[in-house]
Amino acid sequence: MTFTVDRYLADLKERYGGVDAMLLWPTFPQLGLDDRNQFDMCRAMKGGVPGLKVLISEFHDRGVKVLLPYNPWDQGTRE
C-alpha cells in the first residue's frame, strides 16, 4: 500500500474545489491508548519518518502546505 496523493487531491478538488493546506494527524485518535508517544506514532506511519518526508514533499510539489500537530502535553510515556 502506498500513499495516493494525486488521487486524494483529485477527490478533494472534485468534492470541495481543492485545498491549499492539510493537517496530517498521526496521533488521533490513539494517543494515550498504549505506551507510544507522538513521535513513535510518526515512526509507525507507512514508511516511517523517511516515508513521511516523501509524503510531505509530494504535497508540497503540488502546492499544498502540510500541518503536523505537536502535542507538548504528551509526556506520559517518556521524554
C-alpha atoms as a PDB file:
ATOM      1  CA  MET A   1       0.000   0.000   0.000  1.00  0.00           C
ATOM      2  CA  THR A   2       1.268   3.470  -0.866  1.00  0.00           C
ATOM      3  CA  PHE A   3       0.005   6.947  -0.238  1.00  0.00           C
ATOM      4  CA  THR A   4      -2.025   8.189  -3.197  1.00  0.00           C
ATOM      5  CA  VAL A   5      -1.546  11.934  -3.047  1.00  0.00           C
ATOM      6  CA  ASP A   6      -2.759  12.628  -6.584  1.00  0.00           C
ATOM      7  CA  ARG A   7      -5.916  10.559  -6.148  1.00  0.00           C
ATOM      8  CA  TYR A   8      -6.618  12.165  -2.783  1.00  0.00           C
ATOM      9  CA  LEU A   9      -6.146  15.695  -4.097  1.00  0.00           C
ATOM     10  CA  ALA A  10      -8.251  14.938  -7.195  1.00  0.00           C
ATOM     11  CA  ASP A  11     -11.082  13.767  -4.939  1.00  0.00           C
ATOM     12  CA  LEU A  12     -10.816  16.902  -2.798  1.00  0.00           C
ATOM     13  CA  LYS A  13     -10.846  19.071  -5.915  1.00  0.00           C
ATOM     14  CA  GLU A  14     -13.934  17.318  -7.262  1.00  0.00           C
ATOM     15  CA  ARG A  15     -15.852  17.486  -3.996  1.00  0.00           C
ATOM     16  CA  TYR A  16     -14.685  20.779  -2.491  1.00  0.00           C
ATOM     17  CA  GLY A  17     -12.829  22.684  -5.182  1.00  0.00           C
ATOM     18  CA  GLY A  18      -9.402  21.709  -3.801  1.00  0.00           C
ATOM     19  CA  VAL A  19      -7.310  22.593  -0.788  1.00  0.00           C
ATOM     20  CA  ASP A  20      -4.183  24.646  -0.206  1.00  0.00           C
ATOM     21  CA  ALA A  21      -3.266  23.071   3.155  1.00  0.00           C
ATOM     22  CA  MET A  22      -3.948  19.874   5.045  1.00  0.00           C
ATOM     23  CA  LEU A  23      -3.464  18.503   8.531  1.00  0.00           C
ATOM     24  CA  LEU A  24      -1.679  15.172   8.987  1.00  0.00           C
ATOM     25  CA  TRP A  25      -2.608  13.984  12.458  1.00  0.00           C
ATOM     26  CA  PRO A  26      -0.827  10.666  13.153  1.00  0.00           C
ATOM     27  CA  THR A  27      -1.730  10.682  16.849  1.00  0.00           C
ATOM     28  CA  PHE A  28      -5.509  10.931  16.504  1.00  0.00           C
ATOM     29  CA  PRO A  29      -7.374   9.099  17.987  1.00  0.00           C
ATOM     30  CA  GLN A  30      -4.935   6.621  19.516  1.00  0.00           C
ATOM     31  CA  LEU A  31      -2.590   8.817  21.590  1.00  0.00           C
ATOM     32  CA  GLY A  32      -2.802   7.620  25.185  1.00  0.00           C
ATOM     33  CA  LEU A  33      -4.179   4.156  24.417  1.00  0.00           C
ATOM     34  CA  ASP A  34      -0.801   2.465  24.770  1.00  0.00           C
ATOM     35  CA  ASP A  35       2.775   3.388  25.703  1.00  0.00           C
ATOM     36  CA  ARG A  36       3.638   5.062  22.378  1.00  0.00           C
ATOM     37  CA  ASN A  37       4.232   8.791  22.257  1.00  0.00           C
ATOM     38  CA  GLN A  38       3.569  11.169  19.367  1.00  0.00           C
ATOM     39  CA  PHE A  39       6.994  10.568  17.819  1.00  0.00           C
ATOM     40  CA  ASP A  40       6.540   6.785  17.951  1.00  0.00           C
ATOM     41  CA  MET A  41       3.296   7.218  16.030  1.00  0.00           C
ATOM     42  CA  CYS A  42       5.043   9.228  13.320  1.00  0.00           C
ATOM     43  CA  ARG A  43       7.651   6.473  13.068  1.00  0.00           C
ATOM     44  CA  ALA A  44       4.853   3.867  12.836  1.00  0.00           C
ATOM     45  CA  MET A  45       3.295   5.509   9.773  1.00  0.00           C
ATOM     46  CA  LYS A  46       3.813   3.790   6.419  1.00  0.00           C
ATOM     47  CA  GLY A  47       7.483   4.249   5.552  1.00  0.00           C
ATOM     48  CA  GLY A  48       8.319   5.764   8.931  1.00  0.00           C
ATOM     49  CA  VAL A  49       9.875   9.215   9.080  1.00  0.00           C
ATOM     50  CA  PRO A  50      11.501   8.864   5.625  1.00  0.00           C
ATOM     51  CA  GLY A  51       8.077   7.966   4.177  1.00  0.00           C
ATOM     52  CA  LEU A  52       6.516  10.925   5.971  1.00  0.00           C
ATOM     53  CA  LYS A  53       9.123  13.222   4.414  1.00  0.00           C
ATOM     54  CA  VAL A  54       8.315  11.853   0.954  1.00  0.00           C
ATOM     55  CA  LEU A  55       4.586  12.269   1.563  1.00  0.00           C
ATOM     56  CA  ILE A  56       5.050  15.876   2.672  1.00  0.00           C
ATOM     57  CA  SER A  57       7.274  16.557  -0.346  1.00  0.00           C
ATOM     58  CA  GLU A  58       4.590  15.196  -2.653  1.00  0.00           C
ATOM     59  CA  PHE A  59       2.033  17.592  -1.177  1.00  0.00           C
ATOM     60  CA  HIS A  60       4.491  20.498  -1.364  1.00  0.00           C
ATOM     61  CA  ASP A  61       5.241  19.681  -5.024  1.00  0.00           C
ATOM     62  CA  ARG A  62       1.521  20.105  -5.691  1.00  0.00           C
ATOM     63  CA  GLY A  63       1.311  23.417  -3.833  1.00  0.00           C
ATOM     64  CA  VAL A  64      -0.317  22.040  -0.686  1.00  0.00           C
ATOM     65  CA  LYS A  65       1.082  23.036   2.698  1.00  0.00           C
ATOM     66  CA  VAL A  66       1.168  20.330   5.374  1.00  0.00           C
ATOM     67  CA  LEU A  67       0.499  20.912   9.069  1.00  0.00           C
ATOM     68  CA  LEU A  68       1.746  18.450  11.684  1.00  0.00           C
ATOM     69  CA  PRO A  69       0.452  18.895  15.231  1.00  0.00           C
ATOM     70  CA  TYR A  70       2.832  18.956  18.165  1.00  0.00           C
ATOM     71  CA  ASN A  71       1.397  17.834  21.491  1.00  0.00           C
ATOM     72  CA  PRO A  72       3.528  19.372  24.260  1.00  0.00           C
ATOM     73  CA  TRP A  73       1.440  17.615  26.919  1.00  0.00           C
ATOM     74  CA  ASP A  74       2.478  14.189  25.556  1.00  0.00           C
ATOM     75  CA  GLN A  75       4.929  13.386  28.335  1.00  0.00           C
ATOM     76  CA  GLY A  76       3.216  10.397  29.922  1.00  0.00           C
ATOM     77  CA  THR A  77       5.403   7.672  28.447  1.00  0.00           C
ATOM     78  CA  ARG A  78       8.863   9.238  28.365  1.00  0.00           C
ATOM     79  CA  GLU A  79      10.617  12.449  27.413  1.00  0.00           C
END
